[in-house]
Amino acid sequence: MKKFIMATAVATFMSAPAFAASMTIEFATEGEDKVTLTLNKEDGSVTAGDKTGSYTWDEASKTLCGDELVDNACVTFDEIVKTAGSSTGYTRNDGAKGTATIVNVTE
């Protein structure tokens, strides 16, 4: 379950890296554990704990997708947010909904 949550988190805030060198995002889905991911714009990597993978971001659709690290999950954000402390809703490709909050942004 945590692996799927992580996949959702990655997908949820793909948009964030489009605006910063790196962004750390906490994903909270109702009834599940929170997952924290760091997206690195320079190399397109995503890190969760000691695991690293890659992601894609489609700004037009506000959709973030992860690779095998997150079981190829995607999330679509309600809106694009860019600053630490900002939150937005998201919907995973399985229909689950949650809130994504930017914890840290580095330029």
Protein backbone atom coordinates (compact mmCIF):
# COMPACT_ATOMS: atom_id res chain seq x y z
CA MET A 1 0.00 0.00 0.00
CA LYS A 2 2.83 2.42 0.82
CA LYS A 3 4.35 1.81 -2.62
CA PHE A 4 1.09 2.81 -4.26
CA ILE A 5 0.77 5.85 -2.00
CA MET A 6 4.27 6.88 -3.03
CA ALA A 7 3.34 6.51 -6.66
CA THR A 8 0.38 8.74 -6.10
CA ALA A 9 2.46 11.33 -4.38
CA VAL A 10 4.94 11.48 -7.19
CA ALA A 11 2.24 11.94 -9.71
CA THR A 12 0.53 14.57 -7.64
CA PHE A 13 3.20 17.15 -7.54
CA MET A 14 5.09 16.76 -10.72
CA SER A 15 4.15 20.29 -11.50
CA ALA A 16 6.26 21.63 -8.71
CA PRO A 17 9.63 20.85 -10.31
CA ALA A 18 8.72 22.97 -13.28
CA PHE A 19 9.25 26.00 -11.05
CA ALA A 20 12.26 25.09 -8.88
CA ALA A 21 15.53 23.13 -8.81
CA SER A 22 13.95 20.71 -6.33
CA MET A 23 10.73 20.44 -4.41
CA THR A 24 9.72 18.29 -1.46
CA ILE A 25 6.03 17.45 -1.33
CA GLU A 26 3.92 15.65 1.24
CA PHE A 27 0.98 13.68 -0.15
CA ALA A 28 -1.92 12.79 2.12
CA THR A 29 -4.71 10.54 0.93
CA GLU A 30 -7.70 9.95 3.18
CA GLY A 31 -7.33 6.73 5.14
CA GLU A 32 -3.71 6.15 4.08
CA ASP A 33 -0.27 7.08 5.36
CA LYS A 34 1.35 10.32 4.25
CA VAL A 35 4.18 10.06 1.73
CA THR A 36 6.96 12.61 1.22
CA LEU A 37 8.72 12.88 -2.15
CA THR A 38 11.51 15.10 -3.43
CA LEU A 39 11.40 16.00 -7.12
CA ASN A 40 14.67 17.10 -8.77
CA LYS A 41 14.17 19.16 -11.92
CA GLU A 42 17.82 18.97 -13.05
CA ASP A 43 17.89 15.23 -13.63
CA GLY A 44 14.16 14.37 -13.57
CA SER A 45 14.56 12.14 -10.53
CA VAL A 46 12.20 11.58 -7.63
CA THR A 47 13.39 10.36 -4.23
CA ALA A 48 11.35 8.75 -1.47
CA GLY A 49 13.40 7.61 1.49
CA ASP A 50 16.28 5.56 0.08
CA LYS A 51 14.55 4.87 -3.26
CA THR A 52 15.02 6.88 -6.45
CA GLY A 53 13.08 6.85 -9.70
CA SER A 54 12.06 9.22 -12.47
CA TYR A 55 8.95 11.21 -13.31
CA THR A 56 7.25 13.15 -16.08
CA TRP A 57 5.21 16.34 -15.76
CA ASP A 58 2.55 17.64 -18.16
CA GLU A 59 1.85 21.23 -17.18
CA ALA A 60 -1.09 21.60 -19.58
CA SER A 61 -3.05 18.81 -17.89
CA LYS A 62 -1.43 19.36 -14.42
CA THR A 63 -0.53 15.66 -14.40
CA LEU A 64 2.49 14.10 -12.75
CA CYS A 65 3.48 10.49 -13.46
CA GLY A 66 6.09 8.30 -11.85
CA ASP A 67 8.00 5.29 -13.09
CA GLU A 68 8.43 1.90 -11.46
CA LEU A 69 9.19 3.60 -8.13
CA VAL A 70 5.52 4.48 -7.99
CA ASP A 71 4.04 1.68 -10.09
CA ASN A 72 3.62 4.02 -13.05
CA ALA A 73 0.97 5.98 -11.12
CA CYS A 74 -0.24 9.41 -12.18
CA VAL A 75 -1.90 12.21 -10.28
CA THR A 76 -3.73 15.24 -11.57
CA PHE A 77 -3.60 18.36 -9.43
CA ASP A 78 -6.51 20.74 -8.91
CA GLU A 79 -4.15 23.67 -9.42
CA ILE A 80 -0.43 24.34 -9.76
CA VAL A 81 1.16 25.63 -6.56
CA LYS A 82 4.79 26.74 -6.25
CA THR A 83 5.67 27.92 -2.74
CA ALA A 84 6.51 26.13 0.50
CA GLY A 85 3.42 25.79 2.65
CA SER A 86 1.04 25.81 -0.34
CA SER A 87 -1.44 22.95 -0.77
CA THR A 88 -3.73 21.70 -3.50
CA GLY A 89 -6.02 18.77 -4.03
CA TYR A 90 -5.17 15.89 -6.34
CA THR A 91 -6.79 12.85 -7.88
CA ARG A 92 -4.84 9.65 -8.54
CA ASN A 93 -5.38 7.58 -11.67
CA ASP A 94 -7.28 5.06 -9.48
CA GLY A 95 -9.79 7.77 -8.44
CA ALA A 96 -8.47 8.29 -4.89
CA LYS A 97 -8.29 11.93 -3.80
CA GLY A 98 -6.01 13.72 -1.37
CA THR A 99 -4.07 16.85 -0.54
CA ALA A 100 -0.51 17.63 -1.62
CA THR A 101 1.51 20.19 0.37
CA ILE A 102 4.84 21.68 -0.64
CA VAL A 103 7.23 21.26 2.29
CA ASN A 104 10.40 22.76 0.78
CA VAL A 105 11.54 24.45 -2.43
CA THR A 106 15.14 25.06 -3.51
CA GLU A 107 16.13 27.31 -6.39
